[in-house]
Protein backbone atom coordinates (compact mmCIF):
# COMPACT_ATOMS: atom_id res chain seq x y z
CA MET A 1 -5.38 9.00 13.44
CA ARG A 2 -2.02 8.40 13.45
CA VAL A 3 -0.46 7.74 10.63
CA VAL A 4 2.93 5.99 9.49
CA VAL A 5 4.37 7.17 6.28
CA THR A 6 7.80 5.77 5.48
CA GLY A 7 9.45 7.42 2.61
CA ALA A 8 7.98 10.45 3.80
CA ALA A 9 10.90 12.45 2.60
CA GLY A 10 10.30 10.47 -0.91
CA PHE A 11 8.25 12.06 -4.16
CA ILE A 12 4.74 9.99 -3.56
CA GLY A 13 5.49 10.23 0.40
CA SER A 14 5.86 14.12 0.89
CA TYR A 15 2.51 14.54 -1.12
CA THR A 16 0.34 12.11 0.90
CA THR A 17 1.71 13.95 4.28
CA HIS A 18 0.75 16.76 2.55
CA ARG A 19 -2.40 15.12 2.16
CA LEU A 20 -2.76 13.92 5.49
CA LEU A 21 -1.70 16.64 7.36
CA GLN A 22 -4.85 18.48 5.07
CA GLN A 23 -7.16 15.96 6.34
CA GLY A 24 -6.43 16.65 10.04
CA GLU A 25 -4.44 13.42 10.80
CA ARG A 26 -1.03 12.83 13.00
CA VAL A 27 1.69 11.92 10.92
CA ILE A 28 4.71 10.04 11.55
CA GLY A 29 7.23 9.83 9.09
CA LEU A 30 9.92 7.90 8.46
CA ASP A 31 13.03 8.22 5.78
CA ASN A 32 16.47 7.32 5.87
CA LEU A 33 17.35 10.07 3.13
CA ASN A 34 19.98 7.86 1.61
CA ASP A 35 22.29 9.13 -1.30
CA TYR A 36 20.33 6.98 -4.15
CA TYR A 37 19.70 10.73 -5.73
CA ASP A 38 19.93 14.21 -4.81
CA PRO A 39 19.41 14.35 -0.37
CA THR A 40 19.13 18.42 -0.58
CA LEU A 41 15.68 17.51 -2.55
CA LYS A 42 14.94 15.20 -0.29
CA GLN A 43 15.29 17.73 3.33
CA ALA A 44 13.67 20.72 0.64
CA ARG A 45 10.23 18.21 0.43
CA LEU A 46 10.76 18.06 4.30
CA ASP A 47 11.40 21.72 5.08
CA ARG A 48 8.00 21.70 3.06
CA ILE A 49 5.98 19.83 5.29
CA GLN A 50 8.11 21.25 8.76
CA ALA A 51 6.93 25.30 6.98
CA ARG A 52 3.29 24.09 7.44
CA PRO A 53 1.13 26.05 10.07
CA ASP A 54 -0.12 22.22 11.32
CA ALA A 55 3.07 20.82 11.00
CA ASP A 56 2.56 20.38 14.74
CA ARG A 57 1.14 17.27 13.85
CA PHE A 58 4.20 15.86 12.17
CA GLN A 59 6.81 14.28 13.69
CA PHE A 60 9.56 13.09 11.41
CA VAL A 61 11.94 10.02 12.46
CA HIS A 62 15.51 9.31 10.46
CA THR A 63 15.81 5.66 10.17
CA ASP A 64 16.43 2.48 8.38
CA ILE A 65 13.25 -0.10 7.23
CA ALA A 66 15.91 -2.33 6.70
CA ASP A 67 17.32 -1.77 10.44
CA SER A 68 15.60 -4.45 12.19
CA LYS A 69 16.14 -3.37 15.70
CA ALA A 70 15.11 -0.05 15.27
CA MET A 71 12.33 -0.15 13.81
CA ALA A 72 11.65 -2.60 16.35
CA CYS A 73 11.84 -0.31 19.03
CA PHE A 74 9.87 2.18 16.89
CA PHE A 75 6.33 0.63 16.61
CA GLU A 76 7.23 -0.56 20.23
CA GLN A 77 7.58 3.52 21.11
CA THR A 78 4.96 4.83 19.12
CA GLN A 79 0.60 4.55 18.45
CA VAL A 80 0.46 3.82 15.37
CA ASP A 81 -3.43 3.71 13.51
CA ARG A 82 -2.43 3.46 10.10
CA VAL A 83 1.03 2.71 7.94
CA VAL A 84 1.67 3.77 4.32
CA HIS A 85 5.03 2.06 3.16
CA LEU A 86 6.42 4.30 0.66
CA ALA A 87 9.88 3.76 1.23
CA ALA A 88 11.85 1.27 -1.14
CA GLN A 89 14.78 1.61 -3.31
CA ALA A 90 13.42 2.89 -6.60
CA GLY A 91 14.76 2.27 -10.21
CA LEU A 92 14.27 -0.44 -12.69
CA ARG A 93 17.71 -0.28 -14.53
CA HIS A 94 19.32 0.33 -11.05
CA SER A 95 18.56 -2.46 -9.48
CA ILE A 96 20.11 -4.88 -12.58
CA HIS A 97 23.86 -3.35 -11.29
CA HIS A 98 22.52 -3.34 -7.45
CA PRO A 99 20.55 -6.43 -6.15
CA HIS A 100 21.84 -6.07 -2.81
CA THR A 101 20.34 -2.61 -1.88
CA TYR A 102 17.11 -3.76 -3.31
CA ALA A 103 16.75 -7.24 -1.37
CA ALA A 104 17.82 -4.94 1.79
CA SER A 105 15.45 -2.02 1.44
CA ASN A 106 12.38 -3.71 -0.39
CA ILE A 107 12.11 -7.21 1.14
CA THR A 108 13.92 -7.37 4.58
CA GLY A 109 12.36 -3.29 5.03
CA PHE A 110 9.27 -4.72 3.88
CA LEU A 111 9.13 -7.87 5.97
CA ASN A 112 10.19 -5.25 9.42
CA VAL A 113 6.66 -3.02 8.48
CA LEU A 114 5.17 -6.16 8.28
CA GLU A 115 6.00 -7.24 11.85
CA GLY A 116 5.60 -3.93 13.37
CA CYS A 117 1.86 -3.59 11.56
CA ARG A 118 1.05 -7.39 13.20
CA HIS A 119 2.59 -7.10 17.17
CA HIS A 120 1.11 -3.57 17.34
CA ASP A 121 -2.68 -4.06 15.89
CA VAL A 122 -1.83 -1.77 12.80
CA GLU A 123 -5.71 -1.26 11.62
CA HIS A 124 -4.48 -0.74 7.73
CA LEU A 125 -1.17 -1.44 5.72
CA LEU A 126 -1.52 0.31 2.60
CA TYR A 127 1.85 -0.25 0.55
CA ALA A 128 3.19 0.81 -2.88
CA SER A 129 3.70 -1.70 -5.44
CA SER A 130 4.31 -1.41 -9.32
CA SER A 131 2.95 -1.24 -12.35
CA SER A 132 6.86 -2.81 -13.39
CA VAL A 133 4.97 -6.13 -12.05
CA TYR A 134 3.29 -6.42 -15.17
CA GLY A 135 6.63 -7.19 -17.28
CA ASN A 136 6.03 -6.86 -20.63
CA ASP A 137 2.22 -9.12 -20.92
CA SER A 138 0.51 -8.50 -23.75
CA ASN A 139 -3.05 -8.62 -22.47
CA THR A 140 -3.42 -4.85 -22.70
CA PRO A 141 -4.56 -2.33 -20.36
CA PHE A 142 -3.29 -4.43 -18.02
CA SER A 143 -5.91 -5.30 -15.28
CA GLU A 144 -5.10 -6.85 -11.56
CA HIS A 145 -6.86 -9.51 -12.57
CA GLN A 146 -4.42 -11.17 -14.72
CA GLY A 147 -1.47 -12.58 -13.60
CA ALA A 148 1.96 -11.11 -13.18
CA ASN A 149 4.60 -13.47 -12.70
CA HIS A 150 7.16 -12.71 -14.90
CA PRO A 151 8.77 -9.79 -13.69
CA LEU A 152 12.03 -8.04 -16.23
CA SER A 153 14.14 -6.80 -13.17
CA PHE A 154 14.89 -7.21 -9.83
CA TYR A 155 13.04 -4.42 -8.90
CA ALA A 156 9.53 -5.56 -10.55
CA ALA A 157 10.49 -8.83 -8.65
CA THR A 158 10.73 -7.33 -5.22
CA LYS A 159 7.55 -5.63 -5.40
CA ARG A 160 5.75 -8.72 -6.88
CA ALA A 161 7.24 -10.80 -3.82
CA ASN A 162 5.49 -7.48 -1.65
CA GLU A 163 1.84 -8.52 -2.52
CA LEU A 164 3.12 -11.98 -2.07
CA MET A 165 4.54 -11.40 1.26
CA ALA A 166 1.06 -8.93 2.27
CA HIS A 167 -0.67 -11.66 1.40
CA SER A 168 0.95 -14.11 3.71
CA TYR A 169 0.38 -11.44 6.75
CA ALA A 170 -2.79 -11.02 6.19
CA ASN A 171 -3.84 -14.72 5.96
CA LEU A 172 -2.01 -15.58 9.13
CA TYR A 173 -2.53 -12.73 11.54
CA GLY A 174 -5.77 -10.85 10.15
CA LEU A 175 -3.66 -8.02 8.80
CA PRO A 176 -5.17 -5.73 6.56
CA CYS A 177 -3.27 -5.20 3.70
CA THR A 178 -3.85 -3.13 0.15
CA GLY A 179 -1.52 -3.00 -2.71
CA LEU A 180 -1.05 0.06 -4.96
CA ARG A 181 0.45 -0.67 -8.56
CA PHE A 182 1.71 2.35 -9.28
CA PHE A 183 1.53 3.64 -13.15
CA THR A 184 4.52 6.10 -13.89
CA VAL A 185 4.03 8.61 -10.94
CA TYR A 186 5.28 12.50 -12.26
CA GLY A 187 5.46 16.02 -11.54
CA PRO A 188 6.90 18.61 -9.27
CA TRP A 189 9.03 17.61 -6.84
CA GLY A 190 9.46 14.71 -8.42
CA ARG A 191 12.74 12.17 -8.90
CA PRO A 192 15.43 13.43 -11.14
CA ASP A 193 16.74 9.70 -12.22
CA MET A 194 12.87 9.79 -13.77
CA ALA A 195 12.92 10.56 -18.14
CA LEU A 196 10.94 13.40 -17.40
CA PHE A 197 13.27 15.15 -14.82
CA LYS A 198 16.49 14.06 -17.46
CA PHE A 199 14.57 15.23 -20.00
CA THR A 200 13.85 18.58 -19.38
CA ARG A 201 17.34 18.95 -17.73
CA ALA A 202 18.98 18.17 -21.07
CA ILE A 203 16.42 20.55 -23.26
CA ILE A 204 17.59 23.20 -21.21
CA GLU A 205 21.41 22.31 -20.65
CA SER A 206 21.34 21.67 -24.77
CA GLU A 207 23.02 18.13 -23.86
CA THR A 208 21.47 14.80 -25.68
CA ILE A 209 18.97 12.68 -24.73
CA ASP A 210 19.30 9.13 -24.85
CA VAL A 211 15.74 7.72 -26.10
CA PHE A 212 16.02 3.76 -25.67
CA ASN A 213 14.24 1.13 -27.79
CA HIS A 214 14.04 4.10 -30.62
CA GLY A 215 11.18 5.94 -28.87
CA LYS A 216 8.71 3.16 -28.90
CA HIS A 217 8.16 2.98 -25.64
CA GLN A 218 4.69 3.85 -24.47
CA ARG A 219 3.93 5.23 -20.55
CA ASP A 220 0.69 5.22 -18.35
CA LEU A 221 1.67 8.95 -17.16
CA THR A 222 0.03 9.44 -13.81
CA TYR A 223 0.16 12.88 -11.59
CA ILE A 224 1.60 12.95 -8.08
CA ASP A 225 -2.20 14.87 -7.37
CA ASP A 226 -3.66 11.82 -8.30
CA ILE A 227 -1.69 9.77 -6.69
CA ALA A 228 -1.78 11.64 -3.21
CA SER A 229 -5.84 11.66 -3.76
CA GLY A 230 -6.41 7.87 -4.56
CA ILE A 231 -3.94 7.03 -1.58
CA THR A 232 -5.68 8.53 1.25
CA ARG A 233 -8.91 7.51 -0.56
CA VAL A 234 -7.99 3.97 0.09
CA LEU A 235 -6.44 4.10 3.46
CA SER A 236 -10.12 5.04 5.02
CA GLN A 237 -11.28 1.82 3.95
CA PRO A 238 -8.78 -1.27 5.07
CA PRO A 239 -9.93 -4.65 2.99
CA CYS A 240 -12.26 -7.17 4.79
CA GLY A 241 -12.34 -9.99 2.16
CA PRO A 242 -14.00 -10.99 -0.79
CA THR A 243 -15.31 -8.76 -3.16
CA HIS A 244 -17.37 -8.36 -5.97
CA HIS A 245 -14.50 -8.67 -8.75
CA GLY A 246 -13.21 -11.58 -9.19
CA HIS A 247 -13.57 -15.45 -8.29
CA VAL A 248 -11.39 -15.48 -4.60
CA GLY A 249 -9.25 -18.76 -5.24
CA THR A 250 -8.41 -18.41 -8.58
CA ASP A 251 -7.97 -14.43 -8.69
CA PRO A 252 -4.94 -12.44 -8.49
CA ALA A 253 -6.30 -9.39 -7.29
CA CYS A 254 -8.01 -10.64 -3.97
CA SER A 255 -8.78 -12.70 -1.40
CA ASP A 256 -10.53 -14.23 1.40
CA ALA A 257 -8.21 -13.09 3.58
CA PRO A 258 -8.56 -9.05 3.91
CA TRP A 259 -5.84 -8.06 1.49
CA ARG A 260 -6.21 -6.55 -1.87
CA ILE A 261 -4.88 -5.27 -4.79
CA TYR A 262 -5.74 -2.28 -7.00
CA ASN A 263 -4.52 -0.59 -10.60
CA MET A 264 -4.19 3.40 -10.16
CA GLY A 265 -2.94 4.56 -13.42
CA ASN A 266 -4.07 7.38 -15.62
CA GLU A 267 -5.83 4.90 -18.28
CA GLN A 268 -4.04 6.85 -21.16
CA PRO A 269 -0.43 6.06 -22.23
CA ILE A 270 1.53 8.11 -24.20
CA GLY A 271 3.99 7.92 -26.42
CA LEU A 272 7.79 8.68 -25.04
CA MET A 273 8.45 10.85 -28.68
CA ARG A 274 5.25 12.81 -27.48
CA LEU A 275 6.13 13.23 -24.30
CA ILE A 276 9.42 14.78 -25.66
CA GLU A 277 6.80 16.86 -28.05
CA ILE A 278 4.83 18.43 -25.15
CA LEU A 279 8.13 19.16 -23.26
CA GLU A 280 9.67 20.70 -26.02
CA THR A 281 6.70 23.11 -27.32
CA LYS A 282 6.46 23.85 -23.01
CA LEU A 283 10.37 25.15 -23.00
CA ASP A 284 10.12 26.41 -26.48
CA ARG A 285 13.42 24.38 -27.34
CA LYS A 286 14.06 21.75 -29.63
CA ALA A 287 15.74 18.27 -28.20
CA ASN A 288 19.22 16.68 -29.17
CA ILE A 289 18.21 12.95 -29.27
CA ASN A 290 20.12 10.07 -29.87
CA MET A 291 18.12 6.78 -30.56
CA LEU A 292 19.94 3.29 -29.11
CA PRO A 293 18.23 0.04 -28.53
CA ILE A 294 16.08 -1.41 -25.88
CA GLN A 295 17.73 -1.91 -21.87
CA ALA A 296 17.81 -5.00 -20.25
CA GLY A 297 14.74 -4.77 -18.07
CA ASP A 298 12.34 -2.31 -19.86
CA VAL A 299 9.13 -2.76 -19.76
CA LEU A 300 7.32 -1.69 -23.52
CA THR A 301 4.33 -0.63 -22.43
CA THR A 302 2.83 0.07 -18.92
CA TRP A 303 -1.43 1.09 -19.43
CA SER A 304 -3.52 0.36 -16.64
CA ASP A 305 -7.01 -0.76 -16.50
CA SER A 306 -8.43 0.93 -13.43
CA SER A 307 -11.88 0.03 -13.03
CA ASP A 308 -11.80 -1.35 -9.88
CA ILE A 309 -10.74 1.57 -7.57
CA LYS A 310 -13.33 3.73 -9.46
CA ALA A 311 -15.78 0.92 -8.26
CA ASP A 312 -14.65 0.65 -4.87
CA PHE A 313 -13.41 4.16 -4.10
CA ASP A 314 -15.40 6.75 -6.59
CA TYR A 315 -11.38 6.82 -7.86
CA GLN A 316 -10.05 8.83 -11.39
CA ALA A 317 -6.91 9.89 -12.64
CA THR A 318 -8.03 13.63 -13.74
CA THR A 319 -4.85 15.28 -14.85
CA SER A 320 -4.03 15.62 -18.16
CA VAL A 321 -0.32 14.77 -19.26
CA GLU A 322 0.14 18.43 -20.84
CA GLU A 323 -1.65 19.71 -18.20
CA GLY A 324 1.08 17.47 -15.51
CA VAL A 325 4.35 17.93 -17.96
CA GLY A 326 3.26 21.59 -18.06
CA LYS A 327 3.18 22.13 -14.22
CA PHE A 328 6.43 19.94 -13.75
CA VAL A 329 8.39 22.39 -15.82
CA ASP A 330 7.34 25.70 -14.13
CA TRP A 331 8.31 23.72 -10.48
CA TYR A 332 11.63 22.57 -12.08
CA LEU A 333 12.36 26.53 -13.40
CA LYS A 334 11.83 27.59 -10.60
CA TYR A 335 13.32 25.45 -8.18
CA TYR A 336 16.30 25.67 -10.02
CA SER A 337 16.28 28.92 -9.93
CA LEU A 338 16.28 29.13 -14.07
CA THR A 339 14.72 31.21 -17.19
CA PRO A 340 12.48 30.05 -19.83
CA ALA A 341 14.32 29.68 -23.03
CA PRO A 342 14.00 33.24 -24.93
């Protein structure tokens, strides 16, 4: 297959690209390499892909998905079988103060991808949604079959909008679309704006960690290899309409159209303070903690019910948080040429 991966220099996008190349696919990676976080980290991820022995099956295109003309031209000139859409402006808190950036990338950009797919007979569009769409729903674990209509941040609102936009294209044009609601993805080569990255840096440098909601947050941390494995499994099977999981017409997870939503999480949420304890043990250092109230837009708990994706794709996350955090710390120390504490 010829698979387009948008956001190929991103955290999840780079891992997905590696996985697809391992499977023998041809991959066209798109990314604008913006400076929301360190562009050298993004370039380093790309360099790893381009250093692969099978890199002749990888093509990188430096472009912005929010550029309608550039995206139309790309689809006109490129033969595409399937699309994995992972490019987006990420970050819940950043969206509070920069909503126009999110509208451009996450709404206009996604529309450009949808248009390219429907005009060029793409077999399957798989796109990233987020656990943040559930807001502070008290019904846990979160199921795709419950509503997700009260997002707490504009970022979450754009991700929920993507799910609805995809449904309209599936219904109007028969474009098979699958949305994956990722639950707090972490691991080596991760994003510097994520808590694990920030906490690790702060502990190593003996700086104070700001812990919001007085450490009472819980997160369903999902290791990156488990996410990439799930993406490639789901990509291989486009949705074709109703499934056995619910009642079409009233079920938020499926439709008469070729459209489906799945949770993808570890199903084992841990407290924020437990995460810090794991880091302290791995680094052999104590964290300096500054307890603060909850921030606007923060979700209290994320907890995935991933039973549907298990049933349909025999998928399950298998990496424990202790193992995954250990691998992240090992990578962090090596990447930044640091040595563990004595």
